């Protein structure tokens, strides 16, 4: 269950979210193009650790799972919510 504090970033056609869960942070991905949602299995100690892992999760989802070509540069801009 989320507490309502986290960070969001958009990369190509996926939205990445880092949220506080009890004593750790979780990374999730939402793919509006394919109607999918995925959560990283890893538990992160800090939001920065989860944010560092986010680009790799997005690349894997776009390149490997959907065999799509990435349209944007490897930069994420995080917004707090």
PDB file of N, CA and C in Angstrom:
ATOM      1  N   UNK A   1       0.842  -1.185   0.000  1.00  0.00           N
ATOM      2  CA  UNK A   1       0.000   0.000   0.000  1.00  0.00           C
ATOM      3  C   UNK A   1       0.880   1.239   0.000  1.00  0.00           C
ATOM      4  N   UNK A   2       0.597   2.181  -0.880  1.00  0.00           N
ATOM      5  CA  UNK A   2       1.382   3.397  -0.953  1.00  0.00           C
ATOM      6  C   UNK A   2       0.909   4.407   0.085  1.00  0.00           C
ATOM      7  N   UNK A   3       1.810   5.280   0.469  1.00  0.00           N
ATOM      8  CA  UNK A   3       1.506   6.303   1.466  1.00  0.00           C
ATOM      9  C   UNK A   3       1.132   7.622   0.781  1.00  0.00           C
ATOM     10  N   UNK A   4       1.404   7.767  -0.510  1.00  0.00           N
ATOM     11  CA  UNK A   4       1.037   8.978  -1.220  1.00  0.00           C
ATOM     12  C   UNK A   4       2.186   9.912  -1.464  1.00  0.00           C
ATOM     13  N   UNK A   5       3.401   9.431  -1.355  1.00  0.00           N
ATOM     14  CA  UNK A   5       4.569  10.247  -1.646  1.00  0.00           C
ATOM     15  C   UNK A   5       5.443   9.475  -2.613  1.00  0.00           C
ATOM     16  N   UNK A   6       5.882  10.153  -3.649  1.00  0.00           N
ATOM     17  CA  UNK A   6       6.736   9.474  -4.605  1.00  0.00           C
ATOM     18  C   UNK A   6       7.205  10.400  -5.700  1.00  0.00           C
ATOM     19  N   UNK A   7       7.701   9.784  -6.771  1.00  0.00           N
ATOM     20  CA  UNK A   7       8.265  10.505  -7.900  1.00  0.00           C
ATOM     21  C   UNK A   7       7.797   9.842  -9.185  1.00  0.00           C
ATOM     22  N   UNK A   8       7.584  10.666 -10.225  1.00  0.00           N
ATOM     23  CA  UNK A   8       7.183  10.151 -11.530  1.00  0.00           C
ATOM     24  C   UNK A   8       8.088  10.727 -12.599  1.00  0.00           C
ATOM     25  N   UNK A   9       8.306   9.910 -13.634  1.00  0.00           N
ATOM     26  CA  UNK A   9       9.058  10.352 -14.804  1.00  0.00           C
ATOM     27  C   UNK A   9       8.465   9.660 -16.020  1.00  0.00           C
ATOM     28  N   UNK A  10       8.568  10.295 -17.155  1.00  0.00           N
ATOM     29  CA  UNK A  10       8.094   9.706 -18.398  1.00  0.00           C
ATOM     30  C   UNK A  10       9.311   9.434 -19.269  1.00  0.00           C
ATOM     31  N   UNK A  11       9.325   8.252 -19.865  1.00  0.00           N
ATOM     32  CA  UNK A  11      10.393   7.891 -20.789  1.00  0.00           C
ATOM     33  C   UNK A  11       9.756   7.241 -21.999  1.00  0.00           C
ATOM     34  N   UNK A  12       9.915   7.864 -23.145  1.00  0.00           N
ATOM     35  CA  UNK A  12       9.298   7.414 -24.380  1.00  0.00           C
ATOM     36  C   UNK A  12       7.803   7.259 -24.118  1.00  0.00           C
ATOM     37  N   UNK A  13       7.237   6.073 -24.234  1.00  0.00           N
ATOM     38  CA  UNK A  13       5.801   5.907 -24.008  1.00  0.00           C
ATOM     39  C   UNK A  13       5.472   5.223 -22.690  1.00  0.00           C
ATOM     40  N   UNK A  14       6.419   5.138 -21.771  1.00  0.00           N
ATOM     41  CA  UNK A  14       6.144   4.543 -20.461  1.00  0.00           C
ATOM     42  C   UNK A  14       6.267   5.590 -19.360  1.00  0.00           C
ATOM     43  N   UNK A  15       5.505   5.381 -18.299  1.00  0.00           N
ATOM     44  CA  UNK A  15       5.583   6.232 -17.123  1.00  0.00           C
ATOM     45  C   UNK A  15       6.199   5.417 -15.996  1.00  0.00           C
ATOM     46  N   UNK A  16       7.211   5.968 -15.365  1.00  0.00           N
ATOM     47  CA  UNK A  16       7.909   5.306 -14.265  1.00  0.00           C
ATOM     48  C   UNK A  16       7.527   5.989 -12.955  1.00  0.00           C
ATOM     49  N   UNK A  17       7.317   5.189 -11.926  1.00  0.00           N
ATOM     50  CA  UNK A  17       6.927   5.717 -10.628  1.00  0.00           C
ATOM     51  C   UNK A  17       7.782   5.090  -9.535  1.00  0.00           C
ATOM     52  N   UNK A  18       8.260   5.925  -8.634  1.00  0.00           N
ATOM     53  CA  UNK A  18       8.989   5.477  -7.448  1.00  0.00           C
ATOM     54  C   UNK A  18       8.149   5.898  -6.250  1.00  0.00           C
ATOM     55  N   UNK A  19       7.717   4.912  -5.462  1.00  0.00           N
ATOM     56  CA  UNK A  19       6.828   5.188  -4.334  1.00  0.00           C
ATOM     57  C   UNK A  19       7.349   4.587  -3.040  1.00  0.00           C
ATOM     58  N   UNK A  20       7.072   5.289  -1.966  1.00  0.00           N
ATOM     59  CA  UNK A  20       7.411   4.821  -0.627  1.00  0.00           C
ATOM     60  C   UNK A  20       6.422   3.745  -0.214  1.00  0.00           C
ATOM     61  N   UNK A  21       6.933   2.636   0.261  1.00  0.00           N
ATOM     62  CA  UNK A  21       6.105   1.537   0.780  1.00  0.00           C
ATOM     63  C   UNK A  21       6.681   1.135   2.122  1.00  0.00           C
ATOM     64  N   UNK A  22       5.992   1.445   3.175  1.00  0.00           N
ATOM     65  CA  UNK A  22       6.411   1.111   4.532  1.00  0.00           C
ATOM     66  C   UNK A  22       7.876   1.494   4.769  1.00  0.00           C
ATOM     67  N   UNK A  23       8.791   0.518   4.750  1.00  0.00           N
ATOM     68  CA  UNK A  23      10.197   0.813   5.071  1.00  0.00           C
ATOM     69  C   UNK A  23      11.120   0.760   3.859  1.00  0.00           C
ATOM     70  N   UNK A  24      10.557   0.830   2.646  1.00  0.00           N
ATOM     71  CA  UNK A  24      11.384   0.761   1.445  1.00  0.00           C
ATOM     72  C   UNK A  24      10.707   1.525   0.294  1.00  0.00           C
ATOM     73  N   UNK A  25      11.389   1.589  -0.840  1.00  0.00           N
ATOM     74  CA  UNK A  25      10.887   2.262  -2.031  1.00  0.00           C
ATOM     75  C   UNK A  25      10.719   1.234  -3.139  1.00  0.00           C
ATOM     76  N   UNK A  26       9.680   1.410  -3.967  1.00  0.00           N
ATOM     77  CA  UNK A  26       9.396   0.491  -5.068  1.00  0.00           C
ATOM     78  C   UNK A  26       9.351   1.254  -6.383  1.00  0.00           C
ATOM     79  N   UNK A  27       9.753   0.574  -7.430  1.00  0.00           N
ATOM     80  CA  UNK A  27       9.773   1.120  -8.782  1.00  0.00           C
ATOM     81  C   UNK A  27       8.721   0.395  -9.611  1.00  0.00           C
ATOM     82  N   UNK A  28       7.877   1.155 -10.302  1.00  0.00           N
ATOM     83  CA  UNK A  28       6.884   0.539 -11.173  1.00  0.00           C
ATOM     84  C   UNK A  28       6.859   1.248 -12.517  1.00  0.00           C
ATOM     85  N   UNK A  29       6.315   0.551 -13.498  1.00  0.00           N
ATOM     86  CA  UNK A  29       6.260   1.045 -14.864  1.00  0.00           C
ATOM     87  C   UNK A  29       4.826   0.889 -15.374  1.00  0.00           C
ATOM     88  N   UNK A  30       4.340   1.899 -16.062  1.00  0.00           N
ATOM     89  CA  UNK A  30       3.017   1.850 -16.688  1.00  0.00           C
ATOM     90  C   UNK A  30       3.185   2.140 -18.174  1.00  0.00           C
ATOM     91  N   UNK A  31       2.717   1.228 -19.000  1.00  0.00           N
ATOM     92  CA  UNK A  31       2.841   1.318 -20.453  1.00  0.00           C
ATOM     93  C   UNK A  31       1.456   1.581 -21.036  1.00  0.00           C
ATOM     94  N   UNK A  32       1.205   2.836 -21.400  1.00  0.00           N
ATOM     95  CA  UNK A  32      -0.098   3.196 -21.948  1.00  0.00           C
ATOM     96  C   UNK A  32      -0.320   2.667 -23.354  1.00  0.00           C
ATOM     97  N   UNK A  33       0.724   2.488 -24.102  1.00  0.00           N
ATOM     98  CA  UNK A  33       0.604   1.999 -25.475  1.00  0.00           C
ATOM     99  C   UNK A  33       0.116   0.550 -25.520  1.00  0.00           C
ATOM    100  N   UNK A  34       0.657  -0.279 -24.637  1.00  0.00           N
ATOM    101  CA  UNK A  34       0.316  -1.697 -24.628  1.00  0.00           C
ATOM    102  C   UNK A  34      -0.629  -2.078 -23.480  1.00  0.00           C
ATOM    103  N   UNK A  35      -1.027  -1.101 -22.684  1.00  0.00           N
ATOM    104  CA  UNK A  35      -1.950  -1.363 -21.587  1.00  0.00           C
ATOM    105  C   UNK A  35      -1.389  -2.283 -20.523  1.00  0.00           C
ATOM    106  N   UNK A  36      -0.121  -2.092 -20.186  1.00  0.00           N
ATOM    107  CA  UNK A  36       0.541  -2.962 -19.212  1.00  0.00           C
ATOM    108  C   UNK A  36       1.056  -2.167 -18.020  1.00  0.00           C
ATOM    109  N   UNK A  37       1.154  -2.859 -16.903  1.00  0.00           N
ATOM    110  CA  UNK A  37       1.790  -2.320 -15.708  1.00  0.00           C
ATOM    111  C   UNK A  37       2.723  -3.381 -15.163  1.00  0.00           C
ATOM    112  N   UNK A  38       3.873  -2.943 -14.663  1.00  0.00           N
ATOM    113  CA  UNK A  38       4.845  -3.884 -14.099  1.00  0.00           C
ATOM    114  C   UNK A  38       5.492  -3.236 -12.885  1.00  0.00           C
ATOM    115  N   UNK A  39       5.837  -4.057 -11.911  1.00  0.00           N
ATOM    116  CA  UNK A  39       6.536  -3.571 -10.727  1.00  0.00           C
ATOM    117  C   UNK A  39       7.846  -4.322 -10.598  1.00  0.00           C
ATOM    118  N   UNK A  40       8.905  -3.574 -10.356  1.00  0.00           N
ATOM    119  CA  UNK A  40      10.215  -4.168 -10.132  1.00  0.00           C
ATOM    120  C   UNK A  40      10.175  -4.972  -8.834  1.00  0.00           C
ATOM    121  N   UNK A  41      10.783  -6.139  -8.825  1.00  0.00           N
ATOM    122  CA  UNK A  41      10.791  -7.002  -7.640  1.00  0.00           C
ATOM    123  C   UNK A  41      11.709  -6.472  -6.533  1.00  0.00           C
ATOM    124  N   UNK A  42      12.628  -5.629  -6.894  1.00  0.00           N
ATOM    125  CA  UNK A  42      13.632  -5.119  -5.949  1.00  0.00           C
ATOM    126  C   UNK A  42      13.002  -4.152  -4.946  1.00  0.00           C
ATOM    127  N   UNK A  43      13.502  -4.200  -3.710  1.00  0.00           N
ATOM    128  CA  UNK A  43      13.134  -3.213  -2.681  1.00  0.00           C
ATOM    129  C   UNK A  43      14.325  -2.285  -2.528  1.00  0.00           C
ATOM    130  N   UNK A  44      14.089  -1.004  -2.632  1.00  0.00           N
ATOM    131  CA  UNK A  44      15.171  -0.018  -2.590  1.00  0.00           C
ATOM    132  C   UNK A  44      15.162   0.733  -1.271  1.00  0.00           C
ATOM    133  N   UNK A  45      16.347   1.010  -0.766  1.00  0.00           N
ATOM    134  CA  UNK A  45      16.498   1.739   0.496  1.00  0.00           C
ATOM    135  C   UNK A  45      16.170   3.225   0.347  1.00  0.00           C
ATOM    136  N   UNK A  46      16.491   3.789  -0.815  1.00  0.00           N
ATOM    137  CA  UNK A  46      16.270   5.219  -1.050  1.00  0.00           C
ATOM    138  C   UNK A  46      15.572   5.418  -2.392  1.00  0.00           C
ATOM    139  N   UNK A  47      14.908   6.557  -2.562  1.00  0.00           N
ATOM    140  CA  UNK A  47      14.291   6.817  -3.863  1.00  0.00           C
ATOM    141  C   UNK A  47      15.339   6.964  -4.965  1.00  0.00           C
ATOM    142  N   UNK A  48      16.508   7.471  -4.631  1.00  0.00           N
ATOM    143  CA  UNK A  48      17.566   7.629  -5.629  1.00  0.00           C
ATOM    144  C   UNK A  48      18.014   6.281  -6.195  1.00  0.00           C
ATOM    145  N   UNK A  49      18.075   5.258  -5.357  1.00  0.00           N
ATOM    146  CA  UNK A  49      18.441   3.921  -5.842  1.00  0.00           C
ATOM    147  C   UNK A  49      17.400   3.407  -6.829  1.00  0.00           C
ATOM    148  N   UNK A  50      16.127   3.610  -6.524  1.00  0.00           N
ATOM    149  CA  UNK A  50      15.059   3.179  -7.423  1.00  0.00           C
ATOM    150  C   UNK A  50      15.092   3.981  -8.724  1.00  0.00           C
ATOM    151  N   UNK A  51      15.346   5.275  -8.618  1.00  0.00           N
ATOM    152  CA  UNK A  51      15.435   6.118  -9.806  1.00  0.00           C
ATOM    153  C   UNK A  51      16.603   5.698 -10.689  1.00  0.00           C
ATOM    154  N   UNK A  52      17.700   5.299 -10.091  1.00  0.00           N
ATOM    155  CA  UNK A  52      18.858   4.841 -10.862  1.00  0.00           C
ATOM    156  C   UNK A  52      18.541   3.568 -11.642  1.00  0.00           C
ATOM    157  N   UNK A  53      17.670   2.725 -11.115  1.00  0.00           N
ATOM    158  CA  UNK A  53      17.304   1.471 -11.774  1.00  0.00           C
ATOM    159  C   UNK A  53      16.208   1.658 -12.821  1.00  0.00           C
ATOM    160  N   UNK A  54      15.545   2.790 -12.824  1.00  0.00           N
ATOM    161  CA  UNK A  54      14.374   3.008 -13.669  1.00  0.00           C
ATOM    162  C   UNK A  54      14.681   2.968 -15.163  1.00  0.00           C
ATOM    163  N   UNK A  55      15.779   3.556 -15.577  1.00  0.00           N
ATOM    164  CA  UNK A  55      16.103   3.599 -17.002  1.00  0.00           C
ATOM    165  C   UNK A  55      16.328   2.190 -17.552  1.00  0.00           C
ATOM    166  N   UNK A  56      16.992   1.347 -16.793  1.00  0.00           N
ATOM    167  CA  UNK A  56      17.217  -0.037 -17.228  1.00  0.00           C
ATOM    168  C   UNK A  56      15.890  -0.783 -17.350  1.00  0.00           C
ATOM    169  N   UNK A  57      14.964  -0.556 -16.420  1.00  0.00           N
ATOM    170  CA  UNK A  57      13.651  -1.197 -16.488  1.00  0.00           C
ATOM    171  C   UNK A  57      12.902  -0.728 -17.733  1.00  0.00           C
ATOM    172  N   UNK A  58      12.934   0.561 -18.018  1.00  0.00           N
ATOM    173  CA  UNK A  58      12.262   1.103 -19.199  1.00  0.00           C
ATOM    174  C   UNK A  58      12.877   0.541 -20.481  1.00  0.00           C
ATOM    175  N   UNK A  59      14.203   0.509 -20.556  1.00  0.00           N
ATOM    176  CA  UNK A  59      14.876  -0.040 -21.748  1.00  0.00           C
ATOM    177  C   UNK A  59      14.500  -1.495 -21.958  1.00  0.00           C
ATOM    178  N   UNK A  60      14.521  -2.291 -20.903  1.00  0.00           N
ATOM    179  CA  UNK A  60      14.169  -3.702 -21.010  1.00  0.00           C
ATOM    180  C   UNK A  60      12.733  -3.856 -21.509  1.00  0.00           C
ATOM    181  N   UNK A  61      11.830  -3.105 -20.926  1.00  0.00           N
ATOM    182  CA  UNK A  61      10.422  -3.201 -21.309  1.00  0.00           C
ATOM    183  C   UNK A  61      10.221  -2.823 -22.775  1.00  0.00           C
ATOM    184  N   UNK A  62      10.809  -1.722 -23.195  1.00  0.00           N
ATOM    185  CA  UNK A  62      10.599  -1.231 -24.560  1.00  0.00           C
ATOM    186  C   UNK A  62      11.369  -2.072 -25.578  1.00  0.00           C
ATOM    187  N   UNK A  63      12.668  -2.256 -25.360  1.00  0.00           N
ATOM    188  CA  UNK A  63      13.518  -2.953 -26.335  1.00  0.00           C
ATOM    189  C   UNK A  63      13.307  -4.460 -26.372  1.00  0.00           C
ATOM    190  N   UNK A  64      13.287  -5.103 -25.226  1.00  0.00           N
ATOM    191  CA  UNK A  64      13.260  -6.562 -25.163  1.00  0.00           C
ATOM    192  C   UNK A  64      11.833  -7.105 -25.197  1.00  0.00           C
ATOM    193  N   UNK A  65      11.001  -6.626 -24.303  1.00  0.00           N
ATOM    194  CA  UNK A  65       9.647  -7.181 -24.224  1.00  0.00           C
ATOM    195  C   UNK A  65       8.786  -6.837 -25.436  1.00  0.00           C
ATOM    196  N   UNK A  66       8.986  -5.648 -26.009  1.00  0.00           N
ATOM    197  CA  UNK A  66       8.140  -5.231 -27.124  1.00  0.00           C
ATOM    198  C   UNK A  66       8.906  -5.037 -28.425  1.00  0.00           C
ATOM    199  N   UNK A  67      10.202  -5.239 -28.411  1.00  0.00           N
ATOM    200  CA  UNK A  67      11.038  -5.109 -29.602  1.00  0.00           C
ATOM    201  C   UNK A  67      10.789  -3.776 -30.319  1.00  0.00           C
ATOM    202  N   UNK A  68      10.594  -2.733 -29.533  1.00  0.00           N
ATOM    203  CA  UNK A  68      10.377  -1.395 -30.067  1.00  0.00           C
ATOM    204  C   UNK A  68      11.690  -0.620 -30.075  1.00  0.00           C
ATOM    205  N   UNK A  69      11.753   0.376 -30.920  1.00  0.00           N
ATOM    206  CA  UNK A  69      12.905   1.266 -30.988  1.00  0.00           C
ATOM    207  C   UNK A  69      12.677   2.437 -30.037  1.00  0.00           C
ATOM    208  N   UNK A  70      13.684   2.755 -29.260  1.00  0.00           N
ATOM    209  CA  UNK A  70      13.574   3.894 -28.346  1.00  0.00           C
ATOM    210  C   UNK A  70      13.598   5.193 -29.141  1.00  0.00           C
ATOM    211  N   UNK A  71      12.718   6.108 -28.782  1.00  0.00           N
ATOM    212  CA  UNK A  71      12.604   7.366 -29.502  1.00  0.00           C
ATOM    213  C   UNK A  71      13.259   8.537 -28.785  1.00  0.00           C
ATOM    214  N   UNK A  72      13.575   8.372 -27.518  1.00  0.00           N
ATOM    215  CA  UNK A  72      14.115   9.494 -26.753  1.00  0.00           C
ATOM    216  C   UNK A  72      15.511   9.176 -26.224  1.00  0.00           C
ATOM    217  N   UNK A  73      16.174  10.217 -25.779  1.00  0.00           N
ATOM    218  CA  UNK A  73      17.505  10.067 -25.182  1.00  0.00           C
ATOM    219  C   UNK A  73      17.391   9.478 -23.785  1.00  0.00           C
ATOM    220  N   UNK A  74      18.494   9.000 -23.282  1.00  0.00           N
ATOM    221  CA  UNK A  74      18.535   8.334 -21.976  1.00  0.00           C
ATOM    222  C   UNK A  74      18.575   9.350 -20.835  1.00  0.00           C
ATOM    223  N   UNK A  75      17.507  10.152 -20.724  1.00  0.00           N
ATOM    224  CA  UNK A  75      17.423  11.155 -19.659  1.00  0.00           C
ATOM    225  C   UNK A  75      16.043  11.075 -19.019  1.00  0.00           C
ATOM    226  N   UNK A  76      16.029  11.033 -17.702  1.00  0.00           N
ATOM    227  CA  UNK A  76      14.752  11.051 -16.974  1.00  0.00           C
ATOM    228  C   UNK A  76      14.687  12.305 -16.139  1.00  0.00           C
ATOM    229  N   UNK A  77      13.548  12.934 -16.147  1.00  0.00           N
ATOM    230  CA  UNK A  77      13.300  14.113 -15.334  1.00  0.00           C
ATOM    231  C   UNK A  77      12.212  13.751 -14.336  1.00  0.00           C
ATOM    232  N   UNK A  78      12.563  13.661 -13.067  1.00  0.00           N
ATOM    233  CA  UNK A  78      11.656  13.203 -12.022  1.00  0.00           C
ATOM    234  C   UNK A  78      10.868  14.371 -11.449  1.00  0.00           C
ATOM    235  N   UNK A  79       9.569  14.152 -11.257  1.00  0.00           N
ATOM    236  CA  UNK A  79       8.682  15.125 -10.622  1.00  0.00           C
ATOM    237  C   UNK A  79       8.140  14.529  -9.340  1.00  0.00           C
ATOM    238  N   UNK A  80       8.235  15.268  -8.265  1.00  0.00           N
ATOM    239  CA  UNK A  80       7.705  14.801  -6.984  1.00  0.00           C
ATOM    240  C   UNK A  80       6.192  14.990  -6.958  1.00  0.00           C
ATOM    241  N   UNK A  81       5.496  14.046  -6.335  1.00  0.00           N
ATOM    242  CA  UNK A  81       4.041  14.188  -6.164  1.00  0.00           C
ATOM    243  C   UNK A  81       3.635  13.847  -4.760  1.00  0.00           C
TER     244      UNK A  81
END
